[in-house]
Protein backbone atom coordinates (compact mmCIF):
# COMPACT_ATOMS: atom_id res chain seq x y z
CA TYR A 1 -13.21 1.35 17.54
CA TYR A 2 -12.38 0.03 14.08
CA GLY A 3 -8.78 -1.12 14.19
CA ASP A 4 -6.14 -2.69 12.02
CA GLN A 5 -7.05 -6.29 12.85
CA GLN A 6 -10.71 -5.78 11.96
CA ALA A 7 -9.76 -4.01 8.71
CA LEU A 8 -7.51 -6.95 7.77
CA GLU A 9 -10.23 -9.45 8.62
CA ASP A 10 -12.92 -7.73 6.57
CA GLY A 11 -10.60 -7.09 3.62
CA THR A 12 -10.47 -3.30 3.83
CA LEU A 13 -6.71 -3.49 4.41
CA ILE A 14 -4.14 -5.86 2.93
CA ASP A 15 -1.05 -6.95 4.86
CA LEU A 16 1.80 -6.38 2.40
CA GLY A 17 3.92 -8.90 4.30
CA THR A 18 1.61 -11.62 2.98
CA VAL A 19 1.85 -10.24 -0.57
CA PHE A 20 5.59 -9.69 -0.89
CA LEU A 21 6.70 -12.92 0.75
CA GLN A 22 10.18 -13.03 -0.77
CA ALA A 23 11.09 -9.38 -0.31
CA GLU A 24 11.83 -7.02 2.50
CA LEU A 25 9.01 -4.51 2.77
CA PRO A 26 9.87 -1.05 1.49
CA VAL A 27 10.58 1.72 3.97
CA ALA A 28 9.17 5.23 3.67
CA PRO A 29 11.55 8.19 3.96
CA ASN A 30 10.37 8.68 7.56
CA GLY A 31 11.80 5.26 8.43
CA LEU A 32 8.47 3.45 8.80
CA VAL A 33 7.84 0.21 6.92
CA ILE A 34 5.12 0.34 4.26
CA ASN A 35 3.18 -2.67 5.55
CA ARG A 36 -0.44 -2.08 4.53
CA CYS A 37 -2.45 -1.04 1.49
CA THR A 38 -6.14 -0.59 1.00
CA SER A 39 -8.17 -3.10 -0.97
CA ALA A 40 -8.75 -0.42 -3.63
CA VAL A 41 -5.00 -0.04 -4.19
CA PHE A 42 -4.60 -3.82 -4.24
CA SER A 43 -7.38 -4.20 -6.82
CA ALA A 44 -5.93 -1.43 -8.98
CA PHE A 45 -2.45 -2.91 -9.25
CA VAL A 46 -2.63 -6.68 -8.63
CA LYS A 47 -3.89 -8.90 -11.40
CA GLU A 48 -4.17 -12.63 -11.75
CA GLY A 49 -2.60 -13.81 -14.98
CA ASP A 50 -4.04 -16.33 -17.41
CA ASP A 51 -1.66 -18.87 -15.91
CA GLY A 52 -3.25 -18.42 -12.45
CA ILE A 53 -0.19 -16.61 -11.07
CA THR A 54 -0.92 -13.40 -9.21
CA GLU A 55 1.19 -10.53 -10.56
CA THR A 56 2.27 -8.10 -7.85
CA ARG A 57 5.03 -6.18 -9.68
CA LYS A 58 2.82 -3.16 -10.34
CA LEU A 59 1.79 -2.98 -6.68
CA TRP A 60 5.47 -2.96 -5.71
CA GLN A 61 6.11 -0.15 -8.20
CA ALA A 62 3.11 1.80 -6.85
CA VAL A 63 4.45 1.47 -3.30
CA LYS A 64 7.86 2.76 -4.40
CA ALA A 65 6.26 5.66 -6.35
CA SER A 66 4.42 6.95 -3.31
CA THR A 67 7.34 8.07 -1.18
CA GLN A 68 7.69 11.72 -2.25
CA LYS A 69 7.22 14.04 0.71
CA GLU A 70 5.06 17.01 -0.23
CA ASP A 71 5.19 20.52 1.20
CA ASP A 72 2.20 19.70 3.42
CA GLY A 73 4.22 16.92 5.08
CA TRP A 74 2.29 14.06 3.49
CA PHE A 75 3.87 11.36 1.39
CA LYS A 76 2.24 11.31 -2.02
CA GLY A 77 2.88 9.87 -5.42
CA ASN A 78 1.31 8.95 -8.71
CA PHE A 79 1.54 5.65 -10.53
CA GLU A 80 -0.21 4.83 -13.79
CA GLY A 81 -2.38 7.94 -13.45
CA LYS A 82 -3.55 7.15 -9.92
CA ASP A 83 -2.76 9.51 -7.05
CA LEU A 84 -1.46 7.65 -4.01
CA TRP A 85 -1.04 8.62 -0.37
CA LEU A 86 1.06 7.05 2.37
CA LEU A 87 -0.22 7.55 5.90
CA PRO A 88 1.02 6.26 9.27
CA ASN A 89 -1.01 3.39 10.71
CA GLU A 90 -1.52 1.94 14.18
CA THR A 91 1.08 -0.82 13.61
CA GLU A 92 3.89 1.75 13.52
CA GLY A 93 4.01 1.32 9.76
CA MET A 94 2.55 3.09 6.74
CA THR A 95 -0.58 2.39 4.68
CA LEU A 96 -0.72 3.03 0.92
CA MET A 97 -4.12 4.31 -0.17
CA LEU A 98 -6.01 6.21 -2.83
CA PRO A 99 -7.24 9.65 -1.74
CA SER A 100 -10.80 8.30 -1.93
CA ASP A 101 -9.88 5.68 0.71
CA TYR A 102 -9.12 8.37 3.31
């Protein structure tokens, strides 16, 4: 069994609560908190600036862009040309991922 805790420990998943410290985590239209993203999503949208400050604004925008419910019942979105999926996770939250992460 490969669970949430192991995925956090090995870096496959990122706990968004540790990224967005000052903000309430966004909630998907199904009422679940978007509390995880894959490392691929994190790498795509989080950059460290020349001043050493990590910029997370684009990740926040990507999370918000991924909350459209499609006809197939999945939550999908697109941000900066990247398709994004939101799927339920074992923590009773949602995980933001790229289709290739599935």
